[in-house]
Amino acid sequence: MESGGGTMAANGDVSKDSGHERLNQLGYKQELKRDLSVVSNFAFSFAIISVLTGVTTLYNTGLKFGGPVSIVYGWLIAGCFTMVVGLSMAEICSSYPTSGGLYYWSAMLAGPKWAPFASWLTGWFNIVGQWAVTTSIDFSLATLIQVMILLSTGGKNNDGYEASKYVVICFHGGILLLHAIINSLPIWYLSFFGQLAAAWNFVGVFVLMILIPLVATERASAKFVFTHFNTDNGDGVNNKLYIFVLGLLMSQYTLTGYDASAHMTEETKSADINGPKGIISSIGISIIVGWGYILGITFAVTNIPSLLDENNDAGGYAIAEVFYLAFKSRYGTGVGGIICLGVVAVAIFFCGMSSVTSNSRMAYAFSRDGAMPFSPFWHKVNKHEVPINAVWLSALISFCMALTSLGSLVAFNAMVSIATIGLYIAYALPIFFRVTLARKSFIPGPFNLGRYGILVGWIAVLWVAIISVLFSLPVAYPISNETLNYTPVAVGGLLIITVFAWIFSARHWFKGPISNIDA
């Protein structure tokens, strides 16, 4: 693997920055403030991946489908293949360091004939996937707040307060409002919050992975953690391989969002080097600390059916029950466990904040090229060089997506499924064009995979194809309206709408990325 590249000139002149020069070569003028270091770029992706968010939110799924074996080994499997996807994305990012990220890459790699359609398809999968990610992150925080209130008022078995779905959606709206306000601040504030978020996630993982099993009066054996396979899911799924596959969702859902490093490249110094570094380092460090968090929590698991029981004190929220019982069993009160949940809640808050940042940069770039309705409005930046309208658009759409939870959790889960599959399809499209149409024409940037680029790219594309099928499989039998996995419906619906919009309208006016260097 090779890397190198320019840095800022000694006098700080942004025009001497290698990322700025490359942006000009790609046909764009510098409109956003290029003030982020490689640490800040990494921090945004690391905060969005946020192992505290993803693992905590979907730990129930991992316990239910396979238990410790699925959680512990599934994380490593998903992590390895995620790193392969990340390496391919980092190589392309080094060559094309723009806020548009994936959709711009697809346009450049698909060739003149296919560029408009390739960028259109990739862009809409990327931006809708990002909105779905923000929706799921902030909704999971709203749900965790509800669980913390429930436990603080006595728990489900002691008449604790259970917030209604309308209260939860109000929590969700309030969280999004705070995220929009924070993202309206100048970039140096966001840089600070981003680095704080990364530090909070990093330190929080180590504190919880050590503290929870240490406090718990009953701990699982190493044999249980590394060899126990839970087949008792209550959903009629009996095949062990099938169960293990369904348990992978926790890991793969968590390891998403690292395209944020690409979307922040127009605000990152030496972005042709630091953007790729942000992608790779955020994945690598997340895999390591995430596995530690998973092991630490799983050593405090002794009774899986009890943790998943909707009638336990936490209402069936497994990790909340683990934290609560660990402290209650030792000290007679679960207050310490609720405080630990607060540590996770802050991490999820930062995760959602960084997700809105990434969303807004994608919307800014996509509208810069005229791909969105009312594009000139979403493309505007304020006096602090922040795409303010795109920020509030991202928050509003994420709130509207969450409203589906009021009608049906099945509909909401279908919406959220786009967060994993939709986003990974957007990741795979430019990689696919890189290894096919641009196999011989791709000009690598200073960070590249050399002769292994094609092989790594094909592995990445095949992995995304596999998980797209696996996560579309039924999760319960017999299949009914309540148990049907609506993932293929949601993702297929997005594909149909995007393609039809192209055929009947966009192909007549959308030409792909448009240079504004002379604007």
Protein backbone atom coordinates (compact mmCIF):
# COMPACT_ATOMS: atom_id res chain seq x y z
CA MET A 1 0.00 0.00 0.00
CA GLU A 2 1.36 3.36 -0.98
CA SER A 3 0.77 6.82 0.41
CA GLY A 4 2.25 10.25 0.21
CA GLY A 5 1.17 13.72 -0.83
CA GLY A 6 1.33 17.42 -0.22
CA THR A 7 0.65 19.37 2.92
CA MET A 8 -0.24 22.90 3.77
CA ALA A 9 2.39 25.47 2.95
CA ALA A 10 4.28 27.00 5.82
CA ASN A 11 2.35 30.24 5.51
CA GLY A 12 -0.99 28.40 5.70
CA ASP A 13 -1.98 29.38 2.15
CA VAL A 14 -4.90 27.07 1.33
CA SER A 15 -4.11 27.31 -2.39
CA LYS A 16 -0.93 25.30 -1.72
CA ASP A 17 -2.89 22.53 -0.04
CA SER A 18 -2.85 19.31 -2.10
CA GLY A 19 -6.55 18.68 -1.45
CA HIS A 20 -7.43 22.21 -2.57
CA GLU A 21 -5.38 21.86 -5.75
CA ARG A 22 -6.96 18.51 -6.53
CA LEU A 23 -10.43 19.99 -6.00
CA ASN A 24 -9.63 22.67 -8.56
CA GLN A 25 -8.38 20.03 -10.99
CA LEU A 26 -11.70 18.22 -10.60
CA GLY A 27 -13.55 21.40 -11.58
CA TYR A 28 -14.72 22.82 -8.26
CA LYS A 29 -13.83 26.02 -6.47
CA GLN A 30 -13.18 26.08 -2.72
CA GLU A 31 -16.41 27.25 -1.03
CA LEU A 32 -16.23 25.47 2.34
CA LYS A 33 -13.63 26.34 4.96
CA ARG A 34 -10.69 23.90 4.71
CA ASP A 35 -9.80 23.76 8.38
CA LEU A 36 -10.03 20.10 9.48
CA SER A 37 -6.98 18.03 10.43
CA VAL A 38 -6.66 14.29 9.80
CA VAL A 39 -7.73 13.74 13.42
CA SER A 40 -10.91 15.76 12.92
CA ASN A 41 -11.68 13.94 9.66
CA PHE A 42 -11.20 10.58 11.42
CA ALA A 43 -13.30 11.76 14.36
CA PHE A 44 -16.43 12.35 12.26
CA SER A 45 -16.40 8.82 10.82
CA PHE A 46 -15.42 7.22 14.13
CA ALA A 47 -18.27 9.08 15.88
CA ILE A 48 -20.79 7.93 13.24
CA ILE A 49 -19.64 4.30 13.36
CA SER A 50 -19.86 4.66 17.18
CA VAL A 51 -19.64 1.10 18.51
CA LEU A 52 -21.46 2.24 21.65
CA THR A 53 -24.41 3.21 19.44
CA GLY A 54 -24.63 0.26 17.07
CA VAL A 55 -23.77 -2.55 19.48
CA THR A 56 -26.04 -1.19 22.22
CA THR A 57 -28.94 -0.64 19.84
CA LEU A 58 -28.84 -4.06 18.16
CA TYR A 59 -27.38 -6.23 20.93
CA ASN A 60 -30.85 -7.76 21.28
CA THR A 61 -30.64 -9.00 17.69
CA GLY A 62 -27.23 -10.56 18.28
CA LEU A 63 -28.36 -12.29 21.49
CA LYS A 64 -31.54 -13.57 19.89
CA PHE A 65 -29.89 -14.96 16.76
CA GLY A 66 -26.87 -16.98 17.83
CA GLY A 67 -26.02 -15.29 21.11
CA PRO A 68 -22.33 -14.98 22.10
CA VAL A 69 -20.96 -16.92 19.11
CA SER A 70 -22.86 -14.75 16.64
CA ILE A 71 -21.89 -11.55 18.46
CA VAL A 72 -18.21 -12.30 19.14
CA TYR A 73 -17.23 -13.97 15.86
CA GLY A 74 -19.76 -12.19 13.66
CA TRP A 75 -18.14 -8.88 14.64
CA LEU A 76 -14.74 -10.06 13.43
CA ILE A 77 -16.13 -11.44 10.15
CA ALA A 78 -18.13 -8.30 9.38
CA GLY A 79 -15.16 -6.19 10.49
CA CYS A 80 -12.72 -7.86 8.09
CA PHE A 81 -15.00 -7.45 5.09
CA THR A 82 -15.89 -3.89 6.11
CA MET A 83 -12.19 -3.07 6.09
CA VAL A 84 -11.97 -4.46 2.54
CA VAL A 85 -14.82 -2.16 1.47
CA GLY A 86 -13.15 0.74 3.29
CA LEU A 87 -9.78 0.15 1.59
CA SER A 88 -11.41 0.30 -1.85
CA MET A 89 -13.30 3.47 -0.91
CA ALA A 90 -10.13 5.05 0.49
CA GLU A 91 -8.26 4.42 -2.76
CA ILE A 92 -10.98 6.13 -4.79
CA CYS A 93 -11.30 8.95 -2.23
CA SER A 94 -7.60 9.73 -2.65
CA SER A 95 -8.13 10.30 -6.35
CA TYR A 96 -11.41 12.25 -6.00
CA PRO A 97 -11.46 14.16 -2.67
CA THR A 98 -14.79 16.02 -2.97
CA SER A 99 -17.80 16.44 -0.66
CA GLY A 100 -19.89 14.60 -3.23
CA GLY A 101 -17.98 11.47 -2.37
CA LEU A 102 -19.60 8.32 -3.71
CA TYR A 103 -21.80 9.79 -6.44
CA TYR A 104 -18.95 11.89 -7.82
CA TRP A 105 -16.71 8.81 -7.82
CA SER A 106 -19.32 6.84 -9.78
CA ALA A 107 -19.55 9.60 -12.39
CA MET A 108 -15.79 9.70 -12.88
CA LEU A 109 -15.39 5.92 -12.96
CA ALA A 110 -18.38 4.97 -15.12
CA GLY A 111 -17.15 6.93 -18.14
CA PRO A 112 -18.87 9.72 -20.13
CA LYS A 113 -21.69 7.51 -21.45
CA TRP A 114 -22.84 6.17 -18.09
CA ALA A 115 -21.66 8.99 -15.80
CA PRO A 116 -25.00 10.82 -15.38
CA PHE A 117 -27.04 7.70 -14.57
CA ALA A 118 -24.28 6.21 -12.39
CA SER A 119 -23.95 9.36 -10.30
CA TRP A 120 -27.75 9.77 -10.10
CA LEU A 121 -28.29 6.22 -8.81
CA THR A 122 -25.35 6.28 -6.40
CA GLY A 123 -26.19 9.74 -5.11
CA TRP A 124 -29.80 8.97 -4.23
CA PHE A 125 -28.93 5.66 -2.56
CA ASN A 126 -26.22 7.48 -0.59
CA ILE A 127 -28.28 10.43 0.55
CA VAL A 128 -31.44 8.46 1.38
CA GLY A 129 -29.29 5.89 3.18
CA GLN A 130 -27.67 8.69 5.19
CA TRP A 131 -31.04 10.17 6.14
CA ALA A 132 -32.15 6.71 7.25
CA VAL A 133 -28.97 6.36 9.32
CA THR A 134 -29.66 9.64 11.12
CA THR A 135 -33.28 8.58 11.65
CA SER A 136 -32.26 5.27 13.22
CA ILE A 137 -29.50 6.80 15.37
CA ASP A 138 -31.67 9.52 16.87
CA PHE A 139 -34.67 7.20 17.26
CA SER A 140 -32.45 4.73 19.13
CA LEU A 141 -31.37 7.58 21.43
CA ALA A 142 -35.02 8.58 22.01
CA THR A 143 -35.80 4.93 22.84
CA LEU A 144 -32.82 4.68 25.22
CA ILE A 145 -33.93 7.87 27.01
CA GLN A 146 -37.36 6.27 27.43
CA VAL A 147 -35.73 3.13 28.92
CA MET A 148 -33.57 5.25 31.26
CA ILE A 149 -36.70 7.07 32.49
CA LEU A 150 -38.44 3.70 32.95
CA LEU A 151 -35.57 2.35 35.08
CA SER A 152 -35.20 5.63 37.01
CA THR A 153 -38.86 5.48 38.04
CA GLY A 154 -38.69 1.89 39.31
CA GLY A 155 -38.59 -0.29 36.23
CA LYS A 156 -41.37 -2.11 34.45
CA ASN A 157 -42.08 -4.40 37.41
CA ASN A 158 -42.44 -1.52 39.86
CA ASP A 159 -44.84 0.71 37.93
CA GLY A 160 -42.08 2.72 36.27
CA TYR A 161 -43.10 5.34 33.70
CA GLU A 162 -43.27 3.97 30.15
CA ALA A 163 -43.31 6.78 27.60
CA SER A 164 -45.80 6.40 24.75
CA LYS A 165 -44.73 6.32 21.11
CA TYR A 166 -45.82 9.97 20.85
CA VAL A 167 -43.51 11.00 23.68
CA VAL A 168 -40.66 9.04 22.07
CA ILE A 169 -41.19 10.82 18.74
CA CYS A 170 -41.11 14.16 20.61
CA PHE A 171 -37.76 13.13 22.13
CA HIS A 172 -36.59 12.30 18.60
CA GLY A 173 -37.66 15.70 17.29
CA GLY A 174 -35.93 17.51 20.14
CA ILE A 175 -32.68 15.60 19.56
CA LEU A 176 -32.75 16.42 15.85
CA LEU A 177 -33.39 20.08 16.66
CA LEU A 178 -30.27 20.18 18.85
CA HIS A 179 -28.25 18.45 16.12
CA ALA A 180 -29.38 20.98 13.52
CA ILE A 181 -28.46 23.89 15.82
CA ILE A 182 -24.99 22.47 16.54
CA ASN A 183 -24.41 21.83 12.82
CA SER A 184 -25.28 25.45 12.07
CA LEU A 185 -22.20 26.57 13.98
CA PRO A 186 -18.89 27.37 12.24
CA ILE A 187 -16.75 24.38 11.26
CA TRP A 188 -14.20 24.88 14.04
CA TYR A 189 -16.95 24.22 16.62
CA LEU A 190 -17.92 21.07 14.75
CA SER A 191 -14.28 20.04 14.65
CA PHE A 192 -14.11 20.38 18.44
CA PHE A 193 -17.35 18.45 18.98
CA GLY A 194 -16.20 15.80 16.50
CA GLN A 195 -12.95 15.21 18.37
CA LEU A 196 -14.82 15.23 21.70
CA ALA A 197 -17.22 12.64 20.26
CA ALA A 198 -14.36 10.39 19.18
CA ALA A 199 -12.70 10.67 22.59
CA TRP A 200 -15.99 10.00 24.39
CA ASN A 201 -16.62 6.86 22.31
CA PHE A 202 -13.07 5.62 22.80
CA VAL A 203 -12.90 6.21 26.56
CA GLY A 204 -16.53 5.17 27.10
CA VAL A 205 -15.94 1.78 25.51
CA PHE A 206 -12.97 1.03 27.78
CA VAL A 207 -14.76 2.20 30.92
CA LEU A 208 -17.87 0.11 30.25
CA MET A 209 -16.10 -3.03 29.02
CA ILE A 210 -14.12 -3.15 32.28
CA LEU A 211 -16.67 -1.73 34.73
CA ILE A 212 -19.77 -3.80 33.89
CA PRO A 213 -18.27 -7.31 34.23
CA LEU A 214 -16.27 -6.10 37.25
CA VAL A 215 -19.38 -4.90 39.09
CA ALA A 216 -21.60 -7.86 38.12
CA THR A 217 -21.92 -10.46 40.90
CA GLU A 218 -22.55 -13.21 38.35
CA ARG A 219 -20.32 -13.51 35.32
CA ALA A 220 -20.35 -15.79 32.32
CA SER A 221 -17.55 -18.27 31.80
CA ALA A 222 -15.08 -17.94 28.94
CA LYS A 223 -16.59 -21.11 27.51
CA PHE A 224 -20.04 -19.45 27.41
CA VAL A 225 -18.73 -16.25 25.82
CA PHE A 226 -16.69 -17.97 23.11
CA THR A 227 -18.68 -21.15 22.43
CA HIS A 228 -22.35 -20.75 23.42
CA PHE A 229 -24.68 -20.64 20.43
CA ASN A 230 -28.24 -19.56 21.15
CA THR A 231 -30.82 -21.31 18.96
CA ASP A 232 -33.81 -20.42 21.12
CA ASN A 233 -35.06 -17.34 19.25
CA GLY A 234 -38.79 -18.02 19.45
CA ASP A 235 -39.26 -17.07 15.81
CA GLY A 236 -39.23 -20.51 14.21
CA VAL A 237 -35.70 -20.14 12.80
CA ASN A 238 -33.84 -23.39 13.52
CA ASN A 239 -31.00 -23.71 11.00
CA LYS A 240 -27.75 -22.75 12.75
CA LEU A 241 -26.14 -21.14 9.71
CA TYR A 242 -29.31 -19.14 9.06
CA ILE A 243 -29.38 -18.02 12.70
CA PHE A 244 -25.73 -16.96 12.57
CA VAL A 245 -26.33 -14.95 9.40
CA LEU A 246 -29.25 -13.06 10.97
CA GLY A 247 -27.04 -12.29 13.98
CA LEU A 248 -24.51 -10.59 11.68
CA LEU A 249 -26.88 -7.64 11.27
CA MET A 250 -25.76 -6.10 14.58
CA SER A 251 -22.15 -5.95 13.44
CA GLN A 252 -22.80 -4.79 9.88
CA TYR A 253 -25.28 -2.12 10.96
CA THR A 254 -22.73 -0.73 13.41
CA LEU A 255 -19.89 -0.63 10.88
CA THR A 256 -21.44 1.96 8.55
CA GLY A 257 -21.12 5.71 8.08
CA TYR A 258 -17.39 5.93 7.42
CA ASP A 259 -18.14 7.66 4.10
CA ALA A 260 -18.34 10.76 6.32
CA SER A 261 -14.56 11.11 5.89
CA ALA A 262 -15.11 11.42 2.13
CA HIS A 263 -17.92 13.96 2.53
CA MET A 264 -15.70 16.13 4.76
CA THR A 265 -12.74 16.19 2.33
CA GLU A 266 -13.45 19.71 1.03
CA GLU A 267 -13.01 20.90 4.61
CA THR A 268 -9.94 18.73 5.34
CA LYS A 269 -6.31 19.73 4.88
CA SER A 270 -4.37 17.52 2.43
CA ALA A 271 -7.60 15.67 1.79
CA ASP A 272 -6.14 13.36 -0.87
CA ILE A 273 -4.16 11.73 1.95
CA ASN A 274 -6.14 12.55 5.09
CA GLY A 275 -9.55 11.57 3.71
CA PRO A 276 -8.41 7.97 3.03
CA LYS A 277 -6.63 7.87 6.38
CA GLY A 278 -9.89 8.93 8.07
CA ILE A 279 -11.80 6.08 6.42
CA ILE A 280 -9.26 3.35 7.20
CA SER A 281 -8.41 4.41 10.74
CA SER A 282 -12.06 4.87 11.78
CA ILE A 283 -12.91 1.33 10.63
CA GLY A 284 -9.78 -0.26 12.11
CA ILE A 285 -10.03 1.36 15.53
CA SER A 286 -13.80 0.70 15.65
CA ILE A 287 -13.21 -3.02 15.01
CA ILE A 288 -10.70 -3.26 17.87
CA VAL A 289 -12.54 -1.24 20.53
CA GLY A 290 -15.90 -2.65 19.42
CA TRP A 291 -14.74 -6.21 19.99
CA GLY A 292 -13.51 -5.23 23.44
CA TYR A 293 -16.91 -3.68 24.27
CA ILE A 294 -18.72 -6.78 23.02
CA LEU A 295 -16.54 -9.11 25.10
CA GLY A 296 -16.86 -6.98 28.23
CA ILE A 297 -20.66 -6.81 28.04
CA THR A 298 -21.07 -10.46 27.08
CA PHE A 299 -19.10 -11.58 30.14
CA ALA A 300 -21.92 -10.02 32.20
CA VAL A 301 -24.59 -12.06 30.35
CA THR A 302 -25.81 -15.15 32.20
CA ASN A 303 -29.46 -15.57 31.24
CA ILE A 304 -30.32 -14.72 27.63
CA PRO A 305 -34.11 -15.43 27.80
CA SER A 306 -34.39 -13.16 30.85
CA LEU A 307 -32.55 -10.30 29.13
CA LEU A 308 -34.80 -10.55 26.07
CA ASP A 309 -38.01 -10.85 28.10
CA GLU A 310 -40.25 -7.83 27.48
CA ASN A 311 -41.43 -8.05 31.09
CA ASN A 312 -38.01 -7.43 32.68
CA ASP A 313 -37.29 -4.09 34.37
CA ALA A 314 -35.86 -2.56 31.17
CA GLY A 315 -38.80 -3.73 29.05
CA GLY A 316 -36.67 -6.19 27.08
CA TYR A 317 -33.80 -3.79 26.28
CA ALA A 318 -30.96 -6.27 26.83
CA ILE A 319 -27.95 -4.05 27.49
CA ALA A 320 -29.98 -1.73 29.74
CA GLU A 321 -31.03 -4.78 31.77
CA VAL A 322 -27.40 -6.00 31.94
CA PHE A 323 -26.17 -2.62 33.23
CA TYR A 324 -29.07 -2.22 35.66
CA LEU A 325 -28.81 -5.72 37.16
CA ALA A 326 -25.01 -5.56 37.47
CA PHE A 327 -25.22 -2.61 39.86
CA LYS A 328 -28.46 -3.68 41.55
CA SER A 329 -27.10 -7.13 42.38
CA ARG A 330 -23.98 -5.68 44.01
CA TYR A 331 -25.19 -2.42 45.56
CA GLY A 332 -28.93 -2.98 45.91
CA THR A 333 -29.67 -0.14 43.51
CA GLY A 334 -29.41 0.17 39.74
CA VAL A 335 -28.49 3.86 39.70
CA GLY A 336 -24.93 3.10 38.58
CA GLY A 337 -26.30 1.14 35.64
CA ILE A 338 -28.50 4.07 34.62
CA ILE A 339 -25.45 6.37 34.75
CA CYS A 340 -23.60 3.92 32.48
CA LEU A 341 -26.54 4.07 30.07
CA GLY A 342 -26.09 7.84 30.20
CA VAL A 343 -22.52 7.37 28.91
CA VAL A 344 -23.95 5.41 25.97
CA ALA A 345 -26.66 8.04 25.43
CA VAL A 346 -24.06 10.81 25.09
CA ALA A 347 -22.16 8.69 22.55
CA ILE A 348 -25.36 8.17 20.53
CA PHE A 349 -26.03 11.92 20.69
CA PHE A 350 -22.60 12.67 19.23
CA CYS A 351 -23.14 9.93 16.64
CA GLY A 352 -26.35 11.58 15.43
CA MET A 353 -24.68 15.00 15.42
CA SER A 354 -21.88 13.75 13.17
CA SER A 355 -24.38 11.95 10.95
CA VAL A 356 -26.25 15.21 10.31
CA THR A 357 -22.89 16.82 9.44
CA SER A 358 -22.22 14.12 6.84
CA ASN A 359 -25.81 14.30 5.52
CA SER A 360 -25.61 18.03 5.00
CA ARG A 361 -22.31 17.87 3.08
CA MET A 362 -23.74 15.22 0.80
CA ALA A 363 -26.89 17.29 0.20
CA TYR A 364 -24.72 20.38 -0.41
CA ALA A 365 -22.61 18.60 -3.03
CA PHE A 366 -25.54 16.81 -4.69
CA SER A 367 -27.48 20.07 -5.01
CA ARG A 368 -24.34 21.84 -6.30
CA ASP A 369 -24.65 19.57 -9.32
CA GLY A 370 -28.38 20.24 -9.66
CA ALA A 371 -29.58 16.74 -8.68
CA MET A 372 -32.07 17.77 -5.99
CA PRO A 373 -35.34 19.73 -6.22
CA PHE A 374 -34.65 23.41 -5.41
CA SER A 375 -30.92 22.72 -5.68
CA PRO A 376 -29.79 26.40 -5.58
CA PHE A 377 -31.43 26.76 -2.15
CA TRP A 378 -29.78 23.67 -0.61
CA HIS A 379 -26.41 24.61 -2.08
CA LYS A 380 -26.19 27.96 -0.27
CA VAL A 381 -23.53 28.49 2.39
CA ASN A 382 -23.69 31.14 5.11
CA LYS A 383 -21.05 33.67 6.16
CA HIS A 384 -19.30 30.95 8.19
CA GLU A 385 -19.06 28.79 5.04
CA VAL A 386 -21.54 26.26 6.44
CA PRO A 387 -24.25 24.75 4.13
CA ILE A 388 -26.93 25.87 6.55
CA ASN A 389 -30.00 25.03 4.44
CA ALA A 390 -28.73 21.52 3.77
CA VAL A 391 -28.26 21.04 7.53
CA TRP A 392 -31.89 21.82 8.33
CA LEU A 393 -33.14 19.83 5.35
CA SER A 394 -31.32 16.74 6.63
CA ALA A 395 -32.79 17.13 10.12
CA LEU A 396 -36.32 17.67 8.75
CA ILE A 397 -36.28 14.64 6.46
CA SER A 398 -34.90 12.41 9.22
CA PHE A 399 -37.75 13.52 11.47
CA CYS A 400 -40.33 12.80 8.76
CA MET A 401 -38.85 9.31 8.28
CA ALA A 402 -39.25 8.62 12.00
CA LEU A 403 -42.96 9.52 11.86
CA THR A 404 -43.56 6.12 10.24
CA SER A 405 -43.00 4.62 13.72
CA LEU A 406 -46.33 6.12 14.82
CA GLY A 407 -48.17 4.06 12.25
CA SER A 408 -46.25 0.81 12.43
CA LEU A 409 -42.90 -0.37 13.76
CA VAL A 410 -42.84 -2.73 10.78
CA ALA A 411 -42.95 0.28 8.43
CA PHE A 412 -40.31 2.06 10.50
CA ASN A 413 -38.01 -0.97 10.47
CA ALA A 414 -38.36 -1.12 6.70
CA MET A 415 -37.33 2.51 6.52
CA VAL A 416 -34.33 1.91 8.77
CA SER A 417 -33.27 -1.16 6.76
CA ILE A 418 -32.24 1.27 4.03
CA ALA A 419 -29.65 2.54 6.52
CA THR A 420 -27.59 -0.62 6.18
CA ILE A 421 -28.36 -2.13 2.77
CA GLY A 422 -29.05 1.14 0.92
CA LEU A 423 -25.87 2.73 2.19
CA TYR A 424 -23.73 -0.30 1.38
CA ILE A 425 -25.14 -0.42 -2.15
CA ALA A 426 -24.03 3.20 -2.50
CA TYR A 427 -20.58 2.14 -1.25
CA ALA A 428 -20.38 -0.74 -3.73
CA LEU A 429 -21.45 1.09 -6.90
CA PRO A 430 -18.32 3.25 -7.40
CA ILE A 431 -16.14 0.28 -6.40
CA PHE A 432 -17.92 -1.83 -9.04
CA PHE A 433 -17.28 0.83 -11.69
CA ARG A 434 -13.66 1.01 -10.53
CA VAL A 435 -13.07 -2.72 -11.17
CA THR A 436 -15.08 -2.89 -14.42
CA LEU A 437 -15.52 0.19 -16.61
CA ALA A 438 -12.51 2.01 -15.11
CA ARG A 439 -10.31 -1.05 -14.65
CA LYS A 440 -7.63 0.35 -16.98
CA SER A 441 -8.42 4.07 -16.97
CA PHE A 442 -8.48 4.75 -13.20
CA ILE A 443 -5.66 7.09 -12.17
CA PRO A 444 -4.88 6.47 -8.49
CA GLY A 445 -4.17 9.23 -5.99
CA PRO A 446 -1.29 9.31 -3.51
CA PHE A 447 -3.04 6.66 -1.36
CA ASN A 448 -3.58 3.49 -3.40
CA LEU A 449 -3.63 -0.29 -3.21
CA GLY A 450 -1.28 -0.82 -6.14
CA ARG A 451 -1.74 -4.10 -7.98
CA TYR A 452 -4.15 -5.36 -5.31
CA GLY A 453 -6.75 -2.67 -6.04
CA ILE A 454 -8.80 -4.81 -8.45
CA LEU A 455 -8.82 -7.89 -6.21
CA VAL A 456 -9.77 -5.93 -3.10
CA GLY A 457 -12.47 -4.14 -5.09
CA TRP A 458 -14.08 -7.37 -6.29
CA ILE A 459 -14.11 -8.83 -2.77
CA ALA A 460 -15.80 -5.64 -1.53
CA VAL A 461 -18.48 -5.77 -4.26
CA LEU A 462 -19.18 -9.47 -3.62
CA TRP A 463 -19.50 -8.90 0.13
CA VAL A 464 -22.06 -6.14 -0.38
CA ALA A 465 -24.00 -8.38 -2.79
CA ILE A 466 -23.99 -11.19 -0.20
CA ILE A 467 -25.18 -9.08 2.75
CA SER A 468 -27.85 -7.45 0.56
CA VAL A 469 -29.33 -10.91 0.06
CA LEU A 470 -28.74 -12.16 3.61
CA PHE A 471 -30.36 -9.18 5.33
CA SER A 472 -33.39 -9.48 3.03
CA LEU A 473 -34.19 -13.01 4.25
CA PRO A 474 -37.21 -13.61 6.54
CA VAL A 475 -36.37 -13.26 10.24
CA ALA A 476 -39.33 -15.29 11.52
CA TYR A 477 -41.52 -18.21 10.46
CA PRO A 478 -44.31 -18.61 9.56
CA ILE A 479 -44.21 -15.43 7.49
CA SER A 480 -47.05 -12.96 8.06
CA ASN A 481 -47.68 -9.23 7.79
CA GLU A 482 -46.13 -8.83 11.23
CA THR A 483 -43.06 -11.00 10.65
CA LEU A 484 -42.25 -10.25 6.99
CA ASN A 485 -38.81 -8.71 6.44
CA TYR A 486 -39.62 -5.53 4.51
CA THR A 487 -35.99 -4.79 3.67
CA PRO A 488 -36.27 -5.89 0.00
CA VAL A 489 -39.50 -3.91 -0.30
CA ALA A 490 -37.88 -0.73 1.08
CA VAL A 491 -34.62 -1.03 -0.87
CA GLY A 492 -36.39 -2.24 -4.02
CA GLY A 493 -38.85 0.64 -3.73
CA LEU A 494 -36.00 3.13 -3.52
CA LEU A 495 -34.39 1.54 -6.59
CA ILE A 496 -37.64 1.66 -8.60
CA ILE A 497 -38.36 5.29 -7.67
CA THR A 498 -34.80 6.35 -8.49
CA VAL A 499 -34.75 4.56 -11.86
CA PHE A 500 -38.23 5.76 -12.85
CA ALA A 501 -37.32 9.34 -11.90
CA TRP A 502 -34.30 8.99 -14.17
CA ILE A 503 -36.23 7.54 -17.13
CA PHE A 504 -39.13 9.96 -17.04
CA SER A 505 -37.36 13.15 -15.95
CA ALA A 506 -33.74 13.36 -14.80
CA ARG A 507 -32.14 11.92 -17.94
CA HIS A 508 -33.30 15.00 -19.82
CA TRP A 509 -31.58 17.51 -17.53
CA PHE A 510 -29.15 15.86 -15.08
CA LYS A 511 -25.69 15.64 -16.63
CA GLY A 512 -23.74 14.48 -13.60
CA PRO A 513 -21.16 16.56 -11.70
CA ILE A 514 -20.93 20.13 -13.04
CA SER A 515 -17.77 22.21 -12.82
CA ASN A 516 -18.18 25.53 -11.00
CA ILE A 517 -14.54 26.59 -11.10
CA ASP A 518 -15.40 29.64 -13.21
CA ALA A 519 -18.68 30.41 -11.47
